């Protein structure tokens, strides 16, 4: 099964941009705003992309989908922090509207991507992963007594 690199995924690229946008918006804040709202907003926004990356690297669909669900949770947190930031007048309205639209787009893409999640194939000789997420192991004898001479290479 062929899978794109995580950096090639539009959902990952948008998540990375969202994290950078939040970072840029918080850069000039005073100490109190940075320490209370800013750090948590940055962490939640950055966690979207990191969860996508981690989910993309998983071998089973079930395990990968869990990280994509986490990414959706981080996206919800990021949107909640955006609401708090707007209410506290910490960012210009135009920047908040633009980020909100980008986060909505990211939510749609991430939801669609989660529904069609297909983990990468690692061509592991000891196991094969089906699309359903179950692992089909080789017979135990083959695991302990490999056929090839390059087992320990």
N, C-alpha and C. Protein backbone atom coordinates (compact mmCIF):
# COMPACT_ATOMS: atom_id res chain seq x y z
N UNK A 1 0.86 -1.16 0.00
CA UNK A 1 0.00 0.00 0.00
C UNK A 1 0.91 1.23 0.00
N UNK A 2 0.72 2.11 -0.93
CA UNK A 2 1.55 3.31 -1.06
C UNK A 2 0.96 4.44 -0.24
N UNK A 3 1.80 5.10 0.49
CA UNK A 3 1.37 6.20 1.33
C UNK A 3 2.30 7.38 1.13
N UNK A 4 1.72 8.57 1.07
CA UNK A 4 2.51 9.79 0.92
C UNK A 4 3.27 10.09 2.20
N UNK A 5 4.35 10.81 2.06
CA UNK A 5 5.06 11.31 3.23
C UNK A 5 4.17 12.30 3.95
N UNK A 6 4.31 12.41 5.25
CA UNK A 6 3.46 13.31 6.02
C UNK A 6 3.61 14.76 5.54
N UNK A 7 4.81 15.15 5.13
CA UNK A 7 5.04 16.52 4.67
C UNK A 7 4.30 16.83 3.38
N UNK A 8 3.90 15.80 2.65
CA UNK A 8 3.16 15.99 1.40
C UNK A 8 1.66 16.14 1.61
N UNK A 9 1.18 15.85 2.80
CA UNK A 9 -0.25 15.91 3.08
C UNK A 9 -0.69 17.36 3.31
N UNK A 10 -1.74 17.76 2.61
CA UNK A 10 -2.25 19.12 2.75
C UNK A 10 -2.72 19.38 4.19
N UNK A 11 -3.33 18.39 4.81
CA UNK A 11 -3.82 18.54 6.17
C UNK A 11 -2.65 18.84 7.13
N UNK A 12 -1.53 18.19 6.91
CA UNK A 12 -0.34 18.44 7.74
C UNK A 12 0.22 19.84 7.47
N UNK A 13 0.29 20.21 6.20
CA UNK A 13 0.80 21.53 5.83
C UNK A 13 -0.04 22.64 6.45
N UNK A 14 -1.36 22.50 6.41
CA UNK A 14 -2.24 23.51 7.02
C UNK A 14 -2.08 23.54 8.54
N UNK A 15 -1.91 22.38 9.13
CA UNK A 15 -1.71 22.32 10.58
C UNK A 15 -0.40 23.02 10.97
N UNK A 16 0.64 22.82 10.18
CA UNK A 16 1.91 23.50 10.44
C UNK A 16 1.74 25.01 10.33
N UNK A 17 1.01 25.46 9.31
CA UNK A 17 0.77 26.91 9.14
C UNK A 17 -0.03 27.48 10.29
N UNK A 18 -0.99 26.72 10.79
CA UNK A 18 -1.81 27.19 11.92
C UNK A 18 -0.92 27.41 13.14
N UNK A 19 -0.02 26.46 13.41
CA UNK A 19 0.89 26.61 14.54
C UNK A 19 1.77 27.83 14.40
N UNK A 20 2.27 28.07 13.19
CA UNK A 20 3.13 29.24 12.96
C UNK A 20 2.34 30.53 13.07
N UNK A 21 1.07 30.51 12.63
CA UNK A 21 0.23 31.71 12.74
C UNK A 21 0.00 32.07 14.21
N UNK A 22 -0.30 31.06 15.01
CA UNK A 22 -0.52 31.32 16.44
C UNK A 22 0.76 31.84 17.08
N UNK A 23 1.88 31.25 16.74
CA UNK A 23 3.17 31.71 17.26
C UNK A 23 3.37 33.19 16.93
N UNK A 24 3.14 33.55 15.68
CA UNK A 24 3.34 34.94 15.24
C UNK A 24 2.40 35.90 15.95
N UNK A 25 1.16 35.47 16.15
CA UNK A 25 0.19 36.35 16.80
C UNK A 25 0.52 36.60 18.27
N UNK A 26 1.16 35.65 18.91
CA UNK A 26 1.45 35.79 20.35
C UNK A 26 2.82 36.42 20.62
N UNK A 27 3.64 36.56 19.59
CA UNK A 27 5.03 37.01 19.78
C UNK A 27 5.15 38.35 20.51
N UNK A 28 4.26 39.28 20.27
CA UNK A 28 4.39 40.60 20.86
C UNK A 28 3.58 40.83 22.12
N UNK A 29 3.00 39.80 22.66
CA UNK A 29 2.15 39.97 23.84
C UNK A 29 2.97 40.28 25.09
N UNK A 30 2.30 40.89 26.07
CA UNK A 30 2.97 41.15 27.34
C UNK A 30 3.10 39.84 28.13
N UNK A 31 3.85 39.90 29.20
CA UNK A 31 4.18 38.70 29.98
C UNK A 31 2.93 37.96 30.46
N UNK A 32 1.97 38.65 31.02
CA UNK A 32 0.77 38.00 31.56
C UNK A 32 0.01 37.26 30.47
N UNK A 33 -0.22 37.90 29.35
CA UNK A 33 -0.95 37.26 28.26
C UNK A 33 -0.19 36.06 27.72
N UNK A 34 1.12 36.18 27.57
CA UNK A 34 1.92 35.06 27.07
C UNK A 34 1.88 33.87 28.03
N UNK A 35 2.02 34.15 29.32
CA UNK A 35 2.11 33.09 30.32
C UNK A 35 0.78 32.40 30.59
N UNK A 36 -0.33 33.11 30.40
CA UNK A 36 -1.63 32.52 30.72
C UNK A 36 -2.30 31.92 29.50
N UNK A 37 -2.47 32.71 28.47
CA UNK A 37 -3.18 32.27 27.27
C UNK A 37 -2.21 31.82 26.18
N UNK A 38 -1.17 32.59 25.97
CA UNK A 38 -0.27 32.37 24.85
C UNK A 38 0.37 30.99 24.82
N UNK A 39 0.94 30.57 25.93
CA UNK A 39 1.62 29.27 25.96
C UNK A 39 0.66 28.11 25.67
N UNK A 40 -0.53 28.18 26.24
CA UNK A 40 -1.48 27.10 26.02
C UNK A 40 -2.02 27.11 24.60
N UNK A 41 -2.20 28.30 24.04
CA UNK A 41 -2.67 28.41 22.66
C UNK A 41 -1.62 27.87 21.69
N UNK A 42 -0.36 28.22 21.94
CA UNK A 42 0.74 27.72 21.10
C UNK A 42 0.83 26.20 21.20
N UNK A 43 0.76 25.67 22.41
CA UNK A 43 0.85 24.21 22.59
C UNK A 43 -0.27 23.48 21.87
N UNK A 44 -1.50 24.00 22.00
CA UNK A 44 -2.62 23.31 21.34
C UNK A 44 -2.49 23.39 19.82
N UNK A 45 -2.09 24.54 19.30
CA UNK A 45 -1.95 24.69 17.84
C UNK A 45 -0.81 23.82 17.31
N UNK A 46 0.31 23.80 18.00
CA UNK A 46 1.44 22.96 17.57
C UNK A 46 1.11 21.48 17.67
N UNK A 47 0.28 21.11 18.61
CA UNK A 47 -0.06 19.71 18.81
C UNK A 47 -0.92 19.14 17.69
N UNK A 48 -1.58 19.98 16.93
CA UNK A 48 -2.36 19.48 15.79
C UNK A 48 -1.42 18.78 14.81
N UNK A 49 -0.38 19.49 14.38
CA UNK A 49 0.55 18.93 13.40
C UNK A 49 1.33 17.75 13.98
N UNK A 50 1.74 17.85 15.26
CA UNK A 50 2.52 16.74 15.82
C UNK A 50 1.69 15.47 15.95
N UNK A 51 0.40 15.61 16.25
CA UNK A 51 -0.46 14.43 16.32
C UNK A 51 -0.70 13.83 14.95
N UNK A 52 -0.85 14.67 13.93
CA UNK A 52 -1.00 14.17 12.57
C UNK A 52 0.26 13.39 12.18
N UNK A 53 1.40 13.96 12.47
CA UNK A 53 2.67 13.32 12.14
C UNK A 53 2.80 11.97 12.84
N UNK A 54 2.48 11.93 14.10
CA UNK A 54 2.60 10.68 14.86
C UNK A 54 1.59 9.65 14.36
N UNK A 55 0.37 10.09 14.09
CA UNK A 55 -0.64 9.17 13.57
C UNK A 55 -0.28 8.62 12.21
N UNK A 56 0.32 9.45 11.40
CA UNK A 56 0.70 9.03 10.05
C UNK A 56 1.77 7.94 10.08
N UNK A 57 2.59 7.94 11.11
CA UNK A 57 3.70 6.99 11.20
C UNK A 57 3.29 5.65 11.81
N UNK A 58 2.06 5.53 12.26
CA UNK A 58 1.63 4.28 12.89
C UNK A 58 1.34 3.21 11.86
N UNK A 59 1.54 1.96 12.25
CA UNK A 59 1.38 0.82 11.33
C UNK A 59 -0.07 0.37 11.22
N UNK A 60 -0.85 0.56 12.24
CA UNK A 60 -2.23 0.09 12.18
C UNK A 60 -3.19 1.27 12.03
N UNK A 61 -4.26 1.03 11.32
CA UNK A 61 -5.26 2.07 11.10
C UNK A 61 -5.88 2.51 12.43
N UNK A 62 -6.13 1.55 13.31
CA UNK A 62 -6.76 1.87 14.59
C UNK A 62 -5.86 2.78 15.43
N UNK A 63 -4.59 2.45 15.49
CA UNK A 63 -3.65 3.25 16.27
C UNK A 63 -3.47 4.64 15.64
N UNK A 64 -3.34 4.68 14.32
CA UNK A 64 -3.18 5.96 13.64
C UNK A 64 -4.39 6.85 13.80
N UNK A 65 -5.57 6.24 13.70
CA UNK A 65 -6.81 7.01 13.83
C UNK A 65 -6.93 7.65 15.21
N UNK A 66 -6.37 7.00 16.21
CA UNK A 66 -6.41 7.58 17.57
C UNK A 66 -5.65 8.90 17.61
N UNK A 67 -4.51 8.98 16.92
CA UNK A 67 -3.74 10.22 16.91
C UNK A 67 -4.43 11.30 16.07
N UNK A 68 -5.13 10.87 15.02
CA UNK A 68 -5.91 11.84 14.24
C UNK A 68 -7.06 12.39 15.07
N UNK A 69 -7.66 11.54 15.91
CA UNK A 69 -8.70 12.02 16.83
C UNK A 69 -8.09 13.01 17.83
N UNK A 70 -6.89 12.72 18.29
CA UNK A 70 -6.19 13.66 19.18
C UNK A 70 -5.97 14.99 18.48
N UNK A 71 -5.59 14.94 17.18
CA UNK A 71 -5.37 16.17 16.42
C UNK A 71 -6.66 16.99 16.35
N UNK A 72 -7.79 16.32 16.18
CA UNK A 72 -9.08 17.03 16.18
C UNK A 72 -9.34 17.67 17.54
N UNK A 73 -8.97 16.98 18.60
CA UNK A 73 -9.12 17.56 19.94
C UNK A 73 -8.25 18.79 20.13
N UNK A 74 -7.01 18.72 19.65
CA UNK A 74 -6.11 19.87 19.74
C UNK A 74 -6.64 21.03 18.90
N UNK A 75 -7.24 20.71 17.77
CA UNK A 75 -7.84 21.74 16.93
C UNK A 75 -8.99 22.43 17.66
N UNK A 76 -9.81 21.65 18.35
CA UNK A 76 -10.90 22.24 19.14
C UNK A 76 -10.36 23.15 20.24
N UNK A 77 -9.29 22.70 20.90
CA UNK A 77 -8.65 23.54 21.92
C UNK A 77 -8.15 24.84 21.31
N UNK A 78 -7.53 24.75 20.15
CA UNK A 78 -6.98 25.92 19.49
C UNK A 78 -8.09 26.90 19.15
N UNK A 79 -9.24 26.39 18.69
CA UNK A 79 -10.36 27.25 18.38
C UNK A 79 -10.95 27.88 19.64
N UNK A 80 -10.98 27.15 20.73
CA UNK A 80 -11.47 27.71 21.99
C UNK A 80 -10.54 28.82 22.48
N UNK A 81 -9.22 28.58 22.38
CA UNK A 81 -8.28 29.62 22.78
C UNK A 81 -8.42 30.85 21.88
N UNK A 82 -8.71 30.64 20.61
CA UNK A 82 -8.93 31.77 19.70
C UNK A 82 -10.13 32.60 20.18
N UNK A 83 -11.18 31.94 20.59
CA UNK A 83 -12.35 32.66 21.12
C UNK A 83 -11.97 33.49 22.35
N UNK A 84 -11.16 32.92 23.24
CA UNK A 84 -10.72 33.65 24.44
C UNK A 84 -9.84 34.83 24.06
N UNK A 85 -8.96 34.63 23.08
CA UNK A 85 -8.05 35.67 22.63
C UNK A 85 -8.85 36.84 22.03
N UNK A 86 -9.87 36.51 21.25
CA UNK A 86 -10.72 37.55 20.65
C UNK A 86 -11.47 38.29 21.75
N UNK A 87 -12.03 37.55 22.69
CA UNK A 87 -12.78 38.19 23.79
C UNK A 87 -11.89 39.11 24.62
N UNK A 88 -10.61 38.78 24.73
CA UNK A 88 -9.68 39.59 25.52
C UNK A 88 -8.96 40.63 24.67
N UNK A 89 -9.36 40.71 23.42
CA UNK A 89 -8.82 41.71 22.48
C UNK A 89 -7.30 41.66 22.37
N UNK A 90 -6.78 40.44 22.25
CA UNK A 90 -5.34 40.24 22.15
C UNK A 90 -4.84 40.16 20.71
N UNK A 91 -5.76 39.97 19.75
CA UNK A 91 -5.37 39.94 18.33
C UNK A 91 -6.33 40.83 17.54
N UNK A 92 -5.86 41.37 16.43
CA UNK A 92 -6.73 42.17 15.57
C UNK A 92 -7.87 41.30 15.02
N UNK A 93 -9.04 41.91 14.84
CA UNK A 93 -10.20 41.17 14.35
C UNK A 93 -9.94 40.50 13.00
N UNK A 94 -9.27 41.19 12.10
CA UNK A 94 -9.01 40.63 10.77
C UNK A 94 -8.15 39.37 10.87
N UNK A 95 -7.13 39.39 11.72
CA UNK A 95 -6.26 38.23 11.90
C UNK A 95 -7.04 37.08 12.53
N UNK A 96 -7.92 37.40 13.48
CA UNK A 96 -8.72 36.36 14.12
C UNK A 96 -9.68 35.72 13.13
N UNK A 97 -10.31 36.53 12.28
CA UNK A 97 -11.23 35.98 11.26
C UNK A 97 -10.48 35.07 10.28
N UNK A 98 -9.33 35.52 9.83
CA UNK A 98 -8.54 34.72 8.90
C UNK A 98 -8.12 33.39 9.51
N UNK A 99 -7.63 33.44 10.75
CA UNK A 99 -7.21 32.20 11.42
C UNK A 99 -8.41 31.30 11.66
N UNK A 100 -9.55 31.87 12.03
CA UNK A 100 -10.75 31.08 12.26
C UNK A 100 -11.18 30.36 10.98
N UNK A 101 -11.13 31.03 9.84
CA UNK A 101 -11.47 30.41 8.56
C UNK A 101 -10.49 29.29 8.23
N UNK A 102 -9.20 29.54 8.47
CA UNK A 102 -8.19 28.52 8.20
C UNK A 102 -8.37 27.30 9.10
N UNK A 103 -8.73 27.53 10.36
CA UNK A 103 -8.96 26.41 11.28
C UNK A 103 -10.21 25.62 10.87
N UNK A 104 -11.24 26.31 10.37
CA UNK A 104 -12.43 25.61 9.88
C UNK A 104 -12.09 24.73 8.69
N UNK A 105 -11.28 25.26 7.78
CA UNK A 105 -10.83 24.47 6.62
C UNK A 105 -10.02 23.27 7.09
N UNK A 106 -9.13 23.50 8.03
CA UNK A 106 -8.31 22.43 8.58
C UNK A 106 -9.20 21.37 9.23
N UNK A 107 -10.24 21.77 9.94
CA UNK A 107 -11.15 20.81 10.59
C UNK A 107 -11.82 19.92 9.53
N UNK A 108 -12.29 20.52 8.45
CA UNK A 108 -12.93 19.72 7.40
C UNK A 108 -11.94 18.73 6.80
N UNK A 109 -10.74 19.21 6.47
CA UNK A 109 -9.73 18.31 5.89
C UNK A 109 -9.33 17.21 6.86
N UNK A 110 -9.13 17.57 8.10
CA UNK A 110 -8.72 16.59 9.11
C UNK A 110 -9.82 15.56 9.35
N UNK A 111 -11.06 16.00 9.39
CA UNK A 111 -12.17 15.06 9.56
C UNK A 111 -12.25 14.11 8.38
N UNK A 112 -12.12 14.63 7.18
CA UNK A 112 -12.14 13.78 5.98
C UNK A 112 -10.95 12.83 5.98
N UNK A 113 -9.78 13.34 6.33
CA UNK A 113 -8.58 12.51 6.34
C UNK A 113 -8.70 11.41 7.39
N UNK A 114 -9.29 11.73 8.53
CA UNK A 114 -9.45 10.74 9.59
C UNK A 114 -10.35 9.61 9.13
N UNK A 115 -11.41 9.95 8.40
CA UNK A 115 -12.35 8.93 7.92
C UNK A 115 -11.71 8.00 6.90
N UNK A 116 -10.74 8.50 6.17
CA UNK A 116 -10.11 7.68 5.12
C UNK A 116 -8.69 7.30 5.50
N UNK A 117 -8.36 7.35 6.78
CA UNK A 117 -7.00 7.11 7.23
C UNK A 117 -6.48 5.78 6.72
N UNK A 118 -5.31 5.84 6.12
CA UNK A 118 -4.63 4.66 5.59
C UNK A 118 -3.18 4.75 6.05
N UNK A 119 -2.77 3.94 7.03
CA UNK A 119 -1.42 4.05 7.56
C UNK A 119 -0.36 3.64 6.56
N UNK A 120 0.87 4.06 6.78
CA UNK A 120 1.94 3.68 5.87
C UNK A 120 2.25 2.19 5.98
N UNK A 121 2.78 1.65 4.92
CA UNK A 121 3.20 0.26 4.90
C UNK A 121 4.70 0.23 5.15
N UNK A 122 5.12 -0.53 6.13
CA UNK A 122 6.54 -0.58 6.46
C UNK A 122 7.21 -1.84 5.93
N UNK A 123 6.46 -2.70 5.25
CA UNK A 123 7.01 -3.94 4.70
C UNK A 123 7.77 -4.73 5.75
N UNK A 124 7.22 -4.81 6.92
CA UNK A 124 7.82 -5.53 8.02
C UNK A 124 7.69 -7.03 7.77
N UNK A 125 8.80 -7.78 7.72
CA UNK A 125 8.71 -9.20 7.44
C UNK A 125 8.04 -10.00 8.56
N UNK A 126 8.02 -9.47 9.77
CA UNK A 126 7.46 -10.22 10.89
C UNK A 126 5.96 -10.05 11.01
N UNK A 127 5.40 -9.00 10.39
CA UNK A 127 3.96 -8.79 10.49
C UNK A 127 3.46 -8.01 9.30
N UNK A 128 2.19 -8.21 9.02
CA UNK A 128 1.54 -7.44 7.96
C UNK A 128 0.28 -6.87 8.55
N UNK A 129 -0.01 -5.62 8.21
CA UNK A 129 -1.18 -4.95 8.75
C UNK A 129 -2.24 -4.86 7.67
N UNK A 130 -3.42 -5.28 7.99
CA UNK A 130 -4.52 -5.16 7.04
C UNK A 130 -5.15 -3.80 7.17
N UNK A 131 -5.99 -3.43 6.21
CA UNK A 131 -6.67 -2.13 6.26
C UNK A 131 -7.56 -2.04 7.48
N UNK A 132 -8.01 -3.14 8.00
CA UNK A 132 -8.88 -3.13 9.17
C UNK A 132 -8.12 -2.92 10.46
N UNK A 133 -6.81 -2.93 10.41
CA UNK A 133 -6.02 -2.65 11.59
C UNK A 133 -5.58 -3.89 12.34
N UNK A 134 -6.01 -5.09 11.94
CA UNK A 134 -5.57 -6.28 12.65
C UNK A 134 -4.20 -6.70 12.14
N UNK A 135 -3.43 -7.32 12.99
CA UNK A 135 -2.08 -7.74 12.64
C UNK A 135 -2.07 -9.23 12.42
N UNK A 136 -1.50 -9.65 11.30
CA UNK A 136 -1.39 -11.06 10.98
C UNK A 136 0.08 -11.44 11.12
N UNK A 137 0.40 -12.17 12.19
CA UNK A 137 1.78 -12.54 12.46
C UNK A 137 2.15 -13.80 11.71
N UNK A 138 3.43 -13.90 11.38
CA UNK A 138 3.97 -15.12 10.82
C UNK A 138 3.95 -16.20 11.90
N UNK A 139 4.01 -17.45 11.51
CA UNK A 139 4.08 -18.50 12.52
C UNK A 139 5.25 -18.27 13.47
N UNK A 140 5.09 -18.63 14.70
CA UNK A 140 6.09 -18.39 15.73
C UNK A 140 7.44 -18.99 15.37
N UNK A 141 7.44 -20.16 14.72
CA UNK A 141 8.70 -20.79 14.35
C UNK A 141 9.51 -19.90 13.40
N UNK A 142 8.85 -19.23 12.48
CA UNK A 142 9.54 -18.37 11.54
C UNK A 142 10.12 -17.14 12.24
N UNK A 143 9.49 -16.74 13.32
CA UNK A 143 10.01 -15.59 14.06
C UNK A 143 11.31 -15.94 14.76
N UNK A 144 11.37 -17.13 15.37
CA UNK A 144 12.57 -17.52 16.11
C UNK A 144 13.63 -18.17 15.23
N UNK A 145 13.23 -18.74 14.13
CA UNK A 145 14.16 -19.40 13.21
C UNK A 145 13.95 -18.84 11.82
N UNK A 146 14.47 -17.67 11.57
CA UNK A 146 14.23 -17.03 10.27
C UNK A 146 14.84 -17.82 9.12
N UNK A 147 14.20 -17.72 7.98
CA UNK A 147 14.64 -18.42 6.78
C UNK A 147 15.90 -17.79 6.18
N UNK A 148 15.98 -16.45 6.26
CA UNK A 148 17.09 -15.75 5.60
C UNK A 148 18.30 -15.66 6.52
N UNK A 149 19.48 -15.57 5.89
CA UNK A 149 20.73 -15.48 6.65
C UNK A 149 21.02 -14.05 7.12
N UNK A 150 20.27 -13.07 6.59
CA UNK A 150 20.54 -11.68 6.98
C UNK A 150 19.66 -11.20 8.12
N UNK A 151 19.12 -12.12 8.91
CA UNK A 151 18.25 -11.76 10.03
C UNK A 151 18.93 -10.82 11.01
N UNK A 152 20.19 -11.10 11.33
CA UNK A 152 20.91 -10.28 12.32
C UNK A 152 21.72 -9.17 11.68
N UNK A 153 21.56 -8.93 10.43
CA UNK A 153 22.36 -7.90 9.73
C UNK A 153 22.01 -6.52 10.20
